[in-house]
Amino acid sequence: MSKQYKTVSLSDEQRIALEALCRRRKVDAPVWKRARAFLLLDAGEDAGTVCRILDIGPTVLTEWRFAFAGAGLSFFGLKDYSQRQGHLSVVQEQAVRAHFTAQPARNADEVCAYVLAECDQNYSTSGAAKLMRRLGFAYKKPQLLPAQADEAKQAAFIAKYEALMNGLAADEMVVFSDAVHPEHQSRPAHGWFPKGQKTALKATSGRKRLNIQGALDLETFQFTFVEGEKINAQTTRQMLEKLERNNQTKTAIHVFVDNARYHHAKILQPWLDSPERRVKLHFLPAYALHLNPIERLWGVMHKWVTHNRHYATFNQFTEAIFDFFRKTLPEK
């Protein structure tokens, strides 16, 4: 076999496309064999070895070489974007993905501007949106992370929590505690409504609200709570006493709380330091709401009870909130 057919040099774009083709779950055997042949030649294998590995004749390989030289990636049934206006090559798409991974685009117009400047291709706004979705991006709103958050303290807290859970005895329990203050207000939210029909939600006048302090057991989803005119050291003690009454068999009740002033109140300390006390407070790092799972419960409560719901009276609103905690949560 002549030496000129010993190896093949693929471009980066061609190599990436053929490797992706060979990884597909469903691909015709002849197409897979062609792609594998050129990848082997590109890797430095001689033609004789390739023919032996793939069980093809040297004449067939020679024909493939000439066909590929003329047709490019279309020889494998793939689109050869490198010669088509209005499309990005595989290498260009990788560059776009890397750029917007490091520097997120705020809108599709920024994508259009970047692609035009760097790739000399004109994209419409809808085309840019489709491109971003194809590259693995989603248009969404990021969550705020407090700038004062101390990552080292959060990591230390997580390690301490994991150590506690790994050594937790059968007669011990862990709960996360926090307060919530749902207002008697209608909360508009996204939902499915009849198309073409104007949709409105009755507003609620007044600023009445509930003040609830609760504790959630992630293992059983047992929720213990108290209500008060305001949340303070007194309601904290009431909630902790209720935890002890409801869990008589537990020798230790570990309660994770935030750094609200009433959790550190001096009038609470004598009660917490009492020898018969079974509750023990553990404090979350500052500015770390995401480390308190009960925050998610408040979100579920609002979606279930207040989103797109109107309660004519405060009593109806109060009843709906308490029904969620007393019935819906344990049942569903």
C-alpha atoms as a PDB file:
ATOM      1  CA  MET A   1       0.000   0.000   0.000  1.00  0.00           C
ATOM      2  CA  SER A   2       1.435   3.397  -0.945  1.00  0.00           C
ATOM      3  CA  LYS A   3       2.816   5.494   1.868  1.00  0.00           C
ATOM      4  CA  GLN A   4       0.549   8.450   1.115  1.00  0.00           C
ATOM      5  CA  TYR A   5      -2.426   6.645   2.675  1.00  0.00           C
ATOM      6  CA  LYS A   6      -0.764   5.680   5.951  1.00  0.00           C
ATOM      7  CA  THR A   7      -2.136   8.526   8.061  1.00  0.00           C
ATOM      8  CA  VAL A   8      -4.857  11.177   8.072  1.00  0.00           C
ATOM      9  CA  SER A   9      -4.739  14.588   9.727  1.00  0.00           C
ATOM     10  CA  LEU A  10      -8.123  15.710  11.041  1.00  0.00           C
ATOM     11  CA  SER A  11      -8.909  19.242  12.099  1.00  0.00           C
ATOM     12  CA  ASP A  12      -9.964  19.801  15.710  1.00  0.00           C
ATOM     13  CA  GLU A  13     -13.546  20.303  14.544  1.00  0.00           C
ATOM     14  CA  GLN A  14     -13.562  17.076  12.514  1.00  0.00           C
ATOM     15  CA  ARG A  15     -11.975  15.083  15.317  1.00  0.00           C
ATOM     16  CA  ILE A  16     -14.515  16.313  17.901  1.00  0.00           C
ATOM     17  CA  ALA A  17     -17.437  15.586  15.552  1.00  0.00           C
ATOM     18  CA  LEU A  18     -16.245  12.044  14.735  1.00  0.00           C
ATOM     19  CA  GLU A  19     -15.528  11.217  18.391  1.00  0.00           C
ATOM     20  CA  ALA A  20     -19.046  12.366  19.279  1.00  0.00           C
ATOM     21  CA  LEU A  21     -20.447  10.240  16.470  1.00  0.00           C
ATOM     22  CA  CYS A  22     -18.689   7.129  17.759  1.00  0.00           C
ATOM     23  CA  ARG A  23     -20.105   7.724  21.256  1.00  0.00           C
ATOM     24  CA  ARG A  24     -23.716   7.790  20.099  1.00  0.00           C
ATOM     25  CA  ARG A  25     -25.929   4.987  21.349  1.00  0.00           C
ATOM     26  CA  LYS A  26     -27.667   4.588  18.012  1.00  0.00           C
ATOM     27  CA  VAL A  27     -25.532   4.902  14.881  1.00  0.00           C
ATOM     28  CA  ASP A  28     -25.443   2.769  11.736  1.00  0.00           C
ATOM     29  CA  ALA A  29     -22.601   0.268  11.790  1.00  0.00           C
ATOM     30  CA  PRO A  30     -21.140   1.355   8.393  1.00  0.00           C
ATOM     31  CA  VAL A  31     -21.100   5.004   9.510  1.00  0.00           C
ATOM     32  CA  TRP A  32     -19.489   4.097  12.828  1.00  0.00           C
ATOM     33  CA  LYS A  33     -16.851   2.023  10.994  1.00  0.00           C
ATOM     34  CA  ARG A  34     -16.000   4.936   8.685  1.00  0.00           C
ATOM     35  CA  ALA A  35     -15.647   7.355  11.605  1.00  0.00           C
ATOM     36  CA  ARG A  36     -13.513   4.926  13.588  1.00  0.00           C
ATOM     37  CA  ALA A  37     -11.256   4.339  10.560  1.00  0.00           C
ATOM     38  CA  PHE A  38     -10.419   8.021  10.218  1.00  0.00           C
ATOM     39  CA  LEU A  39      -9.905   8.456  13.960  1.00  0.00           C
ATOM     40  CA  LEU A  40      -7.447   5.542  13.953  1.00  0.00           C
ATOM     41  CA  LEU A  41      -5.580   6.981  10.974  1.00  0.00           C
ATOM     42  CA  ASP A  42      -5.522  10.392  12.676  1.00  0.00           C
ATOM     43  CA  ALA A  43      -4.062   8.732  15.798  1.00  0.00           C
ATOM     44  CA  GLY A  44      -1.129   7.411  13.737  1.00  0.00           C
ATOM     45  CA  GLU A  45      -2.232   3.879  12.888  1.00  0.00           C
ATOM     46  CA  ASP A  46      -1.158   2.720   9.440  1.00  0.00           C
ATOM     47  CA  ALA A  47      -3.701   1.734   6.800  1.00  0.00           C
ATOM     48  CA  GLY A  48      -2.940  -1.974   7.066  1.00  0.00           C
ATOM     49  CA  THR A  49      -3.643  -1.997  10.813  1.00  0.00           C
ATOM     50  CA  VAL A  50      -6.883  -0.054  10.349  1.00  0.00           C
ATOM     51  CA  CYS A  51      -8.086  -2.465   7.686  1.00  0.00           C
ATOM     52  CA  ARG A  52      -7.297  -5.423   9.944  1.00  0.00           C
ATOM     53  CA  ILE A  53      -9.017  -3.912  13.014  1.00  0.00           C
ATOM     54  CA  LEU A  54     -12.188  -2.979  11.129  1.00  0.00           C
ATOM     55  CA  ASP A  55     -12.191  -5.964   8.773  1.00  0.00           C
ATOM     56  CA  ILE A  56     -12.261  -3.908   5.563  1.00  0.00           C
ATOM     57  CA  GLY A  57     -10.250  -4.113   2.386  1.00  0.00           C
ATOM     58  CA  PRO A  58      -7.528  -1.610   1.388  1.00  0.00           C
ATOM     59  CA  THR A  59      -9.521  -0.599  -1.700  1.00  0.00           C
ATOM     60  CA  VAL A  60     -12.490   0.339   0.496  1.00  0.00           C
ATOM     61  CA  LEU A  61     -10.290   2.499   2.723  1.00  0.00           C
ATOM     62  CA  THR A  62      -8.821   4.231  -0.310  1.00  0.00           C
ATOM     63  CA  GLU A  63     -12.313   5.026  -1.610  1.00  0.00           C
ATOM     64  CA  TRP A  64     -13.282   6.404   1.773  1.00  0.00           C
ATOM     65  CA  ARG A  65     -10.222   8.657   1.751  1.00  0.00           C
ATOM     66  CA  PHE A  66     -11.113  10.206  -1.585  1.00  0.00           C
ATOM     67  CA  ALA A  67     -14.792  10.597  -0.622  1.00  0.00           C
ATOM     68  CA  PHE A  68     -13.891  12.299   2.663  1.00  0.00           C
ATOM     69  CA  ALA A  69     -11.476  14.650   0.890  1.00  0.00           C
ATOM     70  CA  GLY A  70     -14.330  15.874  -1.295  1.00  0.00           C
ATOM     71  CA  ALA A  71     -17.332  15.760   1.033  1.00  0.00           C
ATOM     72  CA  GLY A  72     -15.876  16.461   4.476  1.00  0.00           C
ATOM     73  CA  LEU A  73     -18.076  15.608   7.457  1.00  0.00           C
ATOM     74  CA  SER A  74     -21.097  15.158   5.220  1.00  0.00           C
ATOM     75  CA  PHE A  75     -19.458  11.863   4.169  1.00  0.00           C
ATOM     76  CA  PHE A  76     -20.574  10.579   7.610  1.00  0.00           C
ATOM     77  CA  GLY A  77     -24.023  12.139   7.436  1.00  0.00           C
ATOM     78  CA  LEU A  78     -22.843  15.057   9.600  1.00  0.00           C
ATOM     79  CA  LYS A  79     -23.279  18.738   8.859  1.00  0.00           C
ATOM     80  CA  ASP A  80     -20.014  20.408   7.955  1.00  0.00           C
ATOM     81  CA  TYR A  81     -20.640  23.815   9.529  1.00  0.00           C
ATOM     82  CA  SER A  82     -17.206  25.132   8.636  1.00  0.00           C
ATOM     83  CA  GLN A  83     -18.321  25.939   5.080  1.00  0.00           C
ATOM     84  CA  ARG A  84     -21.841  27.159   5.824  1.00  0.00           C
ATOM     85  CA  GLN A  85     -22.783  30.743   6.519  1.00  0.00           C
ATOM     86  CA  GLY A  86     -24.996  31.304   9.556  1.00  0.00           C
ATOM     87  CA  HIS A  87     -23.710  28.355  11.589  1.00  0.00           C
ATOM     88  CA  LEU A  88     -20.954  28.044  14.160  1.00  0.00           C
ATOM     89  CA  SER A  89     -18.328  25.350  13.940  1.00  0.00           C
ATOM     90  CA  VAL A  90     -17.789  22.944  16.823  1.00  0.00           C
ATOM     91  CA  VAL A  91     -14.675  24.874  17.854  1.00  0.00           C
ATOM     92  CA  GLN A  92     -16.558  28.183  17.769  1.00  0.00           C
ATOM     93  CA  GLU A  93     -19.380  26.753  19.859  1.00  0.00           C
ATOM     94  CA  GLN A  94     -16.841  25.592  22.435  1.00  0.00           C
ATOM     95  CA  ALA A  95     -15.408  29.117  22.547  1.00  0.00           C
ATOM     96  CA  VAL A  96     -18.893  30.624  23.003  1.00  0.00           C
ATOM     97  CA  ARG A  97     -19.651  28.158  25.800  1.00  0.00           C
ATOM     98  CA  ALA A  98     -16.363  28.917  27.569  1.00  0.00           C
ATOM     99  CA  HIS A  99     -16.848  32.688  27.258  1.00  0.00           C
ATOM    100  CA  PHE A 100     -20.370  32.779  28.665  1.00  0.00           C
ATOM    101  CA  THR A 101     -19.560  30.242  31.376  1.00  0.00           C
ATOM    102  CA  ALA A 102     -16.909  32.652  32.664  1.00  0.00           C
ATOM    103  CA  GLN A 103     -18.958  35.793  31.962  1.00  0.00           C
ATOM    104  CA  PRO A 104     -22.728  35.090  31.882  1.00  0.00           C
ATOM    105  CA  ALA A 105     -24.757  36.925  29.249  1.00  0.00           C
ATOM    106  CA  ARG A 106     -27.493  39.147  30.640  1.00  0.00           C
ATOM    107  CA  ASN A 107     -29.648  38.826  27.522  1.00  0.00           C
ATOM    108  CA  ALA A 108     -29.720  37.379  24.012  1.00  0.00           C
ATOM    109  CA  ASP A 109     -28.537  40.676  22.510  1.00  0.00           C
ATOM    110  CA  GLU A 110     -25.178  40.245  24.247  1.00  0.00           C
ATOM    111  CA  VAL A 111     -24.893  36.771  22.723  1.00  0.00           C
ATOM    112  CA  CYS A 112     -25.651  38.188  19.273  1.00  0.00           C
ATOM    113  CA  ALA A 113     -23.008  40.898  19.680  1.00  0.00           C
ATOM    114  CA  TYR A 114     -20.342  38.453  20.853  1.00  0.00           C
ATOM    115  CA  VAL A 115     -20.995  35.929  18.065  1.00  0.00           C
ATOM    116  CA  LEU A 116     -20.884  38.706  15.457  1.00  0.00           C
ATOM    117  CA  ALA A 117     -17.635  40.149  16.813  1.00  0.00           C
ATOM    118  CA  GLU A 118     -15.796  36.879  17.425  1.00  0.00           C
ATOM    119  CA  CYS A 119     -17.293  34.490  14.854  1.00  0.00           C
ATOM    120  CA  ASP A 120     -18.455  36.893  12.121  1.00  0.00           C
ATOM    121  CA  GLN A 121     -21.957  35.360  12.161  1.00  0.00           C
ATOM    122  CA  ASN A 122     -25.278  37.203  12.381  1.00  0.00           C
ATOM    123  CA  TYR A 123     -27.808  35.680  14.802  1.00  0.00           C
ATOM    124  CA  SER A 124     -31.313  36.863  15.565  1.00  0.00           C
ATOM    125  CA  THR A 125     -32.446  37.165  19.179  1.00  0.00           C
ATOM    126  CA  SER A 126     -34.435  33.928  18.954  1.00  0.00           C
ATOM    127  CA  GLY A 127     -31.524  32.201  17.201  1.00  0.00           C
ATOM    128  CA  ALA A 128     -29.145  33.275  19.961  1.00  0.00           C
ATOM    129  CA  ALA A 129     -31.553  31.916  22.593  1.00  0.00           C
ATOM    130  CA  LYS A 130     -31.706  28.569  20.777  1.00  0.00           C
ATOM    131  CA  LEU A 131     -27.919  28.522  20.516  1.00  0.00           C
ATOM    132  CA  MET A 132     -27.509  29.091  24.252  1.00  0.00           C
ATOM    133  CA  ARG A 133     -29.988  26.339  25.103  1.00  0.00           C
ATOM    134  CA  ARG A 134     -28.181  23.957  22.772  1.00  0.00           C
ATOM    135  CA  LEU A 135     -24.908  24.798  24.514  1.00  0.00           C
ATOM    136  CA  GLY A 136     -26.368  23.858  27.898  1.00  0.00           C
ATOM    137  CA  PHE A 137     -27.419  27.264  29.258  1.00  0.00           C
ATOM    138  CA  ALA A 138     -30.746  28.254  30.817  1.00  0.00           C
ATOM    139  CA  TYR A 139     -32.187  31.754  31.231  1.00  0.00           C
ATOM    140  CA  LYS A 140     -32.760  32.140  34.954  1.00  0.00           C
ATOM    141  CA  LYS A 141     -32.328  34.490  37.866  1.00  0.00           C
ATOM    142  CA  PRO A 142     -29.417  33.832  40.263  1.00  0.00           C
ATOM    143  CA  GLN A 143     -29.926  33.710  44.005  1.00  0.00           C
ATOM    144  CA  LEU A 144     -28.356  36.372  46.188  1.00  0.00           C
ATOM    145  CA  LEU A 145     -25.493  35.307  48.426  1.00  0.00           C
ATOM    146  CA  PRO A 146     -24.707  37.750  51.254  1.00  0.00           C
ATOM    147  CA  ALA A 147     -21.313  39.321  50.736  1.00  0.00           C
ATOM    148  CA  GLN A 148     -20.661  39.082  54.499  1.00  0.00           C
ATOM    149  CA  ALA A 149     -20.979  35.278  54.443  1.00  0.00           C
ATOM    150  CA  ASP A 150     -17.871  33.557  55.820  1.00  0.00           C
ATOM    151  CA  GLU A 151     -17.168  30.443  53.754  1.00  0.00           C
ATOM    152  CA  ALA A 152     -14.656  29.081  56.269  1.00  0.00           C
ATOM    153  CA  LYS A 153     -17.172  29.293  59.118  1.00  0.00           C
ATOM    154  CA  GLN A 154     -19.837  27.659  56.965  1.00  0.00           C
ATOM    155  CA  ALA A 155     -17.481  24.798  56.082  1.00  0.00           C
ATOM    156  CA  ALA A 156     -16.626  24.360  59.772  1.00  0.00           C
ATOM    157  CA  PHE A 157     -20.320  24.296  60.655  1.00  0.00           C
ATOM    158  CA  ILE A 158     -21.060  21.652  58.020  1.00  0.00           C
ATOM    159  CA  ALA A 159     -18.206  19.483  59.313  1.00  0.00           C
ATOM    160  CA  LYS A 160     -19.474  19.835  62.884  1.00  0.00           C
ATOM    161  CA  TYR A 161     -23.036  19.009  61.826  1.00  0.00           C
ATOM    162  CA  GLU A 162     -21.929  15.909  59.912  1.00  0.00           C
ATOM    163  CA  ALA A 163     -19.888  14.743  62.905  1.00  0.00           C
ATOM    164  CA  LEU A 164     -22.934  15.173  65.155  1.00  0.00           C
ATOM    165  CA  MET A 165     -25.187  13.227  62.778  1.00  0.00           C
ATOM    166  CA  ASN A 166     -22.652  10.421  62.358  1.00  0.00           C
ATOM    167  CA  GLY A 167     -22.443   9.989  66.125  1.00  0.00           C
ATOM    168  CA  LEU A 168     -26.111  10.567  66.949  1.00  0.00           C
ATOM    169  CA  ALA A 169     -27.525   8.030  69.397  1.00  0.00           C
ATOM    170  CA  ALA A 170     -30.897   6.366  68.923  1.00  0.00           C
ATOM    171  CA  ASP A 171     -32.385   8.378  71.794  1.00  0.00           C
ATOM    172  CA  GLU A 172     -31.229  11.734  70.394  1.00  0.00           C
ATOM    173  CA  MET A 173     -32.829  13.956  67.772  1.00  0.00           C
ATOM    174  CA  VAL A 174     -31.931  16.987  65.663  1.00  0.00           C
ATOM    175  CA  VAL A 175     -34.271  19.818  64.647  1.00  0.00           C
ATOM    176  CA  PHE A 176     -33.878  23.103  62.799  1.00  0.00           C
ATOM    177  CA  SER A 177     -35.704  26.105  64.209  1.00  0.00           C
ATOM    178  CA  ASP A 178     -36.727  29.518  62.926  1.00  0.00           C
ATOM    179  CA  ALA A 179     -39.567  32.042  62.999  1.00  0.00           C
ATOM    180  CA  VAL A 180     -41.928  33.018  60.177  1.00  0.00           C
ATOM    181  CA  HIS A 181     -44.307  35.977  59.950  1.00  0.00           C
ATOM    182  CA  PRO A 182     -46.886  35.400  57.172  1.00  0.00           C
ATOM    183  CA  GLU A 183     -48.886  38.548  56.403  1.00  0.00           C
ATOM    184  CA  HIS A 184     -52.580  38.516  55.572  1.00  0.00           C
ATOM    185  CA  GLN A 185     -51.879  39.522  51.990  1.00  0.00           C
ATOM    186  CA  SER A 186     -52.783  38.040  48.615  1.00  0.00           C
ATOM    187  CA  ARG A 187     -49.634  36.870  46.831  1.00  0.00           C
ATOM    188  CA  PRO A 188     -49.794  36.809  43.005  1.00  0.00           C
ATOM    189  CA  ALA A 189     -47.680  33.995  41.541  1.00  0.00           C
ATOM    190  CA  HIS A 190     -47.156  32.253  38.232  1.00  0.00           C
ATOM    191  CA  GLY A 191     -49.810  29.668  37.364  1.00  0.00           C
ATOM    192  CA  TRP A 192     -51.881  28.210  34.525  1.00  0.00           C
ATOM    193  CA  PHE A 193     -54.851  30.377  33.606  1.00  0.00           C
ATOM    194  CA  PRO A 194     -57.262  30.347  30.628  1.00  0.00           C
ATOM    195  CA  LYS A 195     -55.575  31.820  27.566  1.00  0.00           C
ATOM    196  CA  GLY A 196     -56.864  35.201  26.433  1.00  0.00           C
ATOM    197  CA  GLN A 197     -58.664  35.830  29.705  1.00  0.00           C
ATOM    198  CA  LYS A 198     -57.583  38.643  31.984  1.00  0.00           C
ATOM    199  CA  THR A 199     -56.724  37.257  35.387  1.00  0.00           C
ATOM    200  CA  ALA A 200     -56.771  39.198  38.640  1.00  0.00           C
ATOM    201  CA  LEU A 201     -56.385  38.359  42.309  1.00  0.00           C
ATOM    202  CA  LYS A 202     -58.329  40.241  44.968  1.00  0.00           C
ATOM    203  CA  ALA A 203     -56.066  42.295  47.187  1.00  0.00           C
ATOM    204  CA  THR A 204     -56.315  42.196  50.968  1.00  0.00           C
ATOM    205  CA  SER A 205     -56.397  45.376  53.008  1.00  0.00           C
ATOM    206  CA  GLY A 206     -54.621  45.570  56.323  1.00  0.00           C
ATOM    207  CA  ARG A 207     -51.249  44.465  57.645  1.00  0.00           C
ATOM    208  CA  LYS A 208     -52.163  41.798  60.167  1.00  0.00           C
ATOM    209  CA  ARG A 209     -49.726  38.907  60.397  1.00  0.00           C
ATOM    210  CA  LEU A 210     -49.052  35.750  62.321  1.00  0.00           C
ATOM    211  CA  ASN A 211     -45.904  35.223  64.351  1.00  0.00           C
ATOM    212  CA  ILE A 212     -44.898  31.568  64.420  1.00  0.00           C
ATOM    213  CA  GLN A 213     -41.785  29.988  65.859  1.00  0.00           C
ATOM    214  CA  GLY A 214     -41.228  26.368  64.886  1.00  0.00           C
ATOM    215  CA  ALA A 215     -38.798  23.468  64.780  1.00  0.00           C
ATOM    216  CA  LEU A 216     -38.574  20.840  62.032  1.00  0.00           C
ATOM    217  CA  ASP A 217     -37.224  17.292  62.362  1.00  0.00           C
ATOM    218  CA  LEU A 218     -35.786  16.326  58.972  1.00  0.00           C
ATOM    219  CA  GLU A 219     -35.951  12.602  59.762  1.00  0.00           C
ATOM    220  CA  THR A 220     -39.673  12.415  60.612  1.00  0.00           C
ATOM    221  CA  PHE A 221     -40.907  15.820  59.343  1.00  0.00           C
ATOM    222  CA  GLN A 222     -42.409  16.359  62.784  1.00  0.00           C
ATOM    223  CA  PHE A 223     -43.102  20.084  63.087  1.00  0.00           C
ATOM    224  CA  THR A 224     -43.390  21.691  66.512  1.00  0.00           C
ATOM    225  CA  PHE A 225     -44.521  25.313  66.712  1.00  0.00           C
ATOM    226  CA  VAL A 226     -45.944  28.028  68.935  1.00  0.00           C
ATOM    227  CA  GLU A 227     -47.678  31.289  68.098  1.00  0.00           C
ATOM    228  CA  GLY A 228     -47.198  34.603  69.870  1.00  0.00           C
ATOM    229  CA  GLU A 229     -47.934  38.315  69.576  1.00  0.00           C
ATOM    230  CA  LYS A 230     -44.237  38.646  68.812  1.00  0.00           C
ATOM    231  CA  ILE A 231     -41.245  36.340  68.708  1.00  0.00           C
ATOM    232  CA  ASN A 232     -38.921  36.757  71.665  1.00  0.00           C
ATOM    233  CA  ALA A 233     -37.120  34.808  74.378  1.00  0.00           C
ATOM    234  CA  GLN A 234     -40.442  33.812  75.923  1.00  0.00           C
ATOM    235  CA  THR A 235     -41.790  32.199  72.745  1.00  0.00           C
ATOM    236  CA  THR A 236     -38.399  30.535  72.239  1.00  0.00           C
ATOM    237  CA  ARG A 237     -38.653  28.939  75.669  1.00  0.00           C
ATOM    238  CA  GLN A 238     -42.270  27.902  75.028  1.00  0.00           C
ATOM    239  CA  MET A 239     -41.288  26.211  71.788  1.00  0.00           C
ATOM    240  CA  LEU A 240     -38.317  24.427  73.401  1.00  0.00           C
ATOM    241  CA  GLU A 241     -40.489  23.261  76.315  1.00  0.00           C
ATOM    242  CA  LYS A 242     -43.013  21.927  73.824  1.00  0.00           C
ATOM    243  CA  LEU A 243     -40.227  20.032  72.066  1.00  0.00           C
ATOM    244  CA  GLU A 244     -39.268  18.351  75.318  1.00  0.00           C
ATOM    245  CA  ARG A 245     -42.891  17.496  76.186  1.00  0.00           C
ATOM    246  CA  ASN A 246     -43.526  15.985  72.745  1.00  0.00           C
ATOM    247  CA  ASN A 247     -40.350  13.897  72.840  1.00  0.00           C
ATOM    248  CA  GLN A 248     -40.243  12.366  76.300  1.00  0.00           C
ATOM    249  CA  THR A 249     -38.078   9.404  75.215  1.00  0.00           C
ATOM    250  CA  LYS A 250     -35.270  11.562  73.861  1.00  0.00           C
ATOM    251  CA  THR A 251     -32.305  12.159  76.132  1.00  0.00           C
ATOM    252  CA  ALA A 252     -30.938  14.968  73.939  1.00  0.00           C
ATOM    253  CA  ILE A 253     -32.648  17.327  71.518  1.00  0.00           C
ATOM    254  CA  HIS A 254     -30.196  19.261  69.364  1.00  0.00           C
ATOM    255  CA  VAL A 255     -31.778  22.483  68.111  1.00  0.00           C
ATOM    256  CA  PHE A 256     -30.103  24.463  65.332  1.00  0.00           C
ATOM    257  CA  VAL A 257     -31.014  28.159  65.399  1.00  0.00           C
ATOM    258  CA  ASP A 258     -29.852  31.413  63.848  1.00  0.00           C
ATOM    259  CA  ASN A 259     -28.233  34.269  65.752  1.00  0.00           C
ATOM    260  CA  ALA A 260     -31.377  36.259  66.518  1.00  0.00           C
ATOM    261  CA  ARG A 261     -31.024  38.291  69.711  1.00  0.00           C
ATOM    262  CA  TYR A 262     -33.748  36.372  71.546  1.00  0.00           C
ATOM    263  CA  HIS A 263     -31.802  33.120  71.106  1.00  0.00           C
ATOM    264  CA  HIS A 264     -28.943  34.701  73.087  1.00  0.00           C
ATOM    265  CA  ALA A 265     -31.193  36.455  75.623  1.00  0.00           C
ATOM    266  CA  LYS A 266     -29.839  36.450  79.185  1.00  0.00           C
ATOM    267  CA  ILE A 267     -33.248  35.570  80.647  1.00  0.00           C
ATOM    268  CA  LEU A 268     -33.171  32.343  78.607  1.00  0.00           C
ATOM    269  CA  GLN A 269     -29.757  31.169  79.827  1.00  0.00           C
ATOM    270  CA  PRO A 270     -30.722  29.985  83.359  1.00  0.00           C
ATOM    271  CA  TRP A 271     -33.415  27.757  81.875  1.00  0.00           C
ATOM    272  CA  LEU A 272     -31.043  26.357  79.219  1.00  0.00           C
ATOM    273  CA  ASP A 273     -28.338  25.714  81.847  1.00  0.00           C
ATOM    274  CA  SER A 274     -30.667  23.751  84.119  1.00  0.00           C
ATOM    275  CA  PRO A 275     -29.360  20.188  84.792  1.00  0.00           C
ATOM    276  CA  GLU A 276     -32.629  18.553  83.711  1.00  0.00           C
ATOM    277  CA  ARG A 277     -32.583  20.379  80.382  1.00  0.00           C
ATOM    278  CA  ARG A 278     -32.553  18.054  77.337  1.00  0.00           C
ATOM    279  CA  VAL A 279     -32.464  20.688  74.606  1.00  0.00           C
ATOM    280  CA  LYS A 280     -29.120  22.003  73.407  1.00  0.00           C
ATOM    281  CA  LEU A 281     -28.816  24.995  71.104  1.00  0.00           C
ATOM    282  CA  HIS A 282     -26.419  25.015  68.144  1.00  0.00           C
ATOM    283  CA  PHE A 283     -25.916  28.285  66.316  1.00  0.00           C
ATOM    284  CA  LEU A 284     -25.750  28.614  62.550  1.00  0.00           C
ATOM    285  CA  PRO A 285     -23.067  30.818  60.969  1.00  0.00           C
ATOM    286  CA  ALA A 286     -24.134  34.388  60.245  1.00  0.00           C
ATOM    287  CA  TYR A 287     -25.684  35.108  56.837  1.00  0.00           C
ATOM    288  CA  ALA A 288     -26.263  31.422  56.091  1.00  0.00           C
ATOM    289  CA  LEU A 289     -29.992  31.007  55.534  1.00  0.00           C
ATOM    290  CA  HIS A 290     -29.284  28.217  53.052  1.00  0.00           C
ATOM    291  CA  LEU A 291     -27.927  26.081  55.910  1.00  0.00           C
ATOM    292  CA  ASN A 292     -31.285  26.126  57.710  1.00  0.00           C
ATOM    293  CA  PRO A 293     -33.648  23.667  55.933  1.00  0.00           C
ATOM    294  CA  ILE A 294     -36.714  25.038  57.699  1.00  0.00           C
ATOM    295  CA  GLU A 295     -36.455  28.063  55.387  1.00  0.00           C
ATOM    296  CA  ARG A 296     -37.588  25.757  52.575  1.00  0.00           C
ATOM    297  CA  LEU A 297     -40.630  24.772  54.628  1.00  0.00           C
ATOM    298  CA  TRP A 298     -41.681  28.424  54.787  1.00  0.00           C
ATOM    299  CA  GLY A 299     -41.458  28.554  50.983  1.00  0.00           C
ATOM    300  CA  VAL A 300     -43.621  25.445  50.616  1.00  0.00           C
ATOM    301  CA  MET A 301     -46.121  26.893  53.074  1.00  0.00           C
ATOM    302  CA  HIS A 302     -46.468  30.071  51.023  1.00  0.00           C
ATOM    303  CA  LYS A 303     -46.864  28.153  47.746  1.00  0.00           C
ATOM    304  CA  TRP A 304     -49.518  25.938  49.318  1.00  0.00           C
ATOM    305  CA  VAL A 305     -51.452  28.530  51.286  1.00  0.00           C
ATOM    306  CA  THR A 306     -50.855  32.093  50.084  1.00  0.00           C
ATOM    307  CA  HIS A 307     -49.881  32.021  46.389  1.00  0.00           C
ATOM    308  CA  ASN A 308     -52.855  33.020  44.213  1.00  0.00           C
ATOM    309  CA  ARG A 309     -55.166  32.647  47.213  1.00  0.00           C
ATOM    310  CA  HIS A 310     -57.474  35.259  48.693  1.00  0.00           C
ATOM    311  CA  TYR A 311     -58.777  35.078  52.262  1.00  0.00           C
ATOM    312  CA  ALA A 312     -61.504  37.592  53.002  1.00  0.00           C
ATOM    313  CA  THR A 313     -60.835  37.638  56.750  1.00  0.00           C
ATOM    314  CA  PHE A 314     -57.772  37.286  58.936  1.00  0.00           C
ATOM    315  CA  ASN A 315     -59.428  34.355  60.721  1.00  0.00           C
ATOM    316  CA  GLN A 316     -59.744  32.471  57.427  1.00  0.00           C
ATOM    317  CA  PHE A 317     -56.095  33.223  56.676  1.00  0.00           C
ATOM    318  CA  THR A 318     -55.025  32.031  60.132  1.00  0.00           C
ATOM    319  CA  GLU A 319     -57.038  28.820  59.808  1.00  0.00           C
ATOM    320  CA  ALA A 320     -55.452  28.056  56.419  1.00  0.00           C
ATOM    321  CA  ILE A 321     -51.929  28.520  57.817  1.00  0.00           C
ATOM    322  CA  PHE A 322     -52.555  26.301  60.830  1.00  0.00           C
ATOM    323  CA  ASP A 323     -54.279  23.644  58.701  1.00  0.00           C
ATOM    324  CA  PHE A 324     -51.150  23.463  56.575  1.00  0.00           C
ATOM    325  CA  PHE A 325     -48.907  22.811  59.583  1.00  0.00           C
ATOM    326  CA  ARG A 326     -51.311  20.528  61.453  1.00  0.00           C
ATOM    327  CA  LYS A 327     -52.845  18.526  58.596  1.00  0.00           C
ATOM    328  CA  THR A 328     -51.254  19.066  55.183  1.00  0.00           C
ATOM    329  CA  LEU A 329     -47.626  18.763  56.301  1.00  0.00           C
ATOM    330  CA  PRO A 330     -47.948  15.477  58.230  1.00  0.00           C
ATOM    331  CA  GLU A 331     -50.334  13.934  55.686  1.00  0.00           C
ATOM    332  CA  LYS A 332     -48.728  14.995  52.405  1.00  0.00           C
END
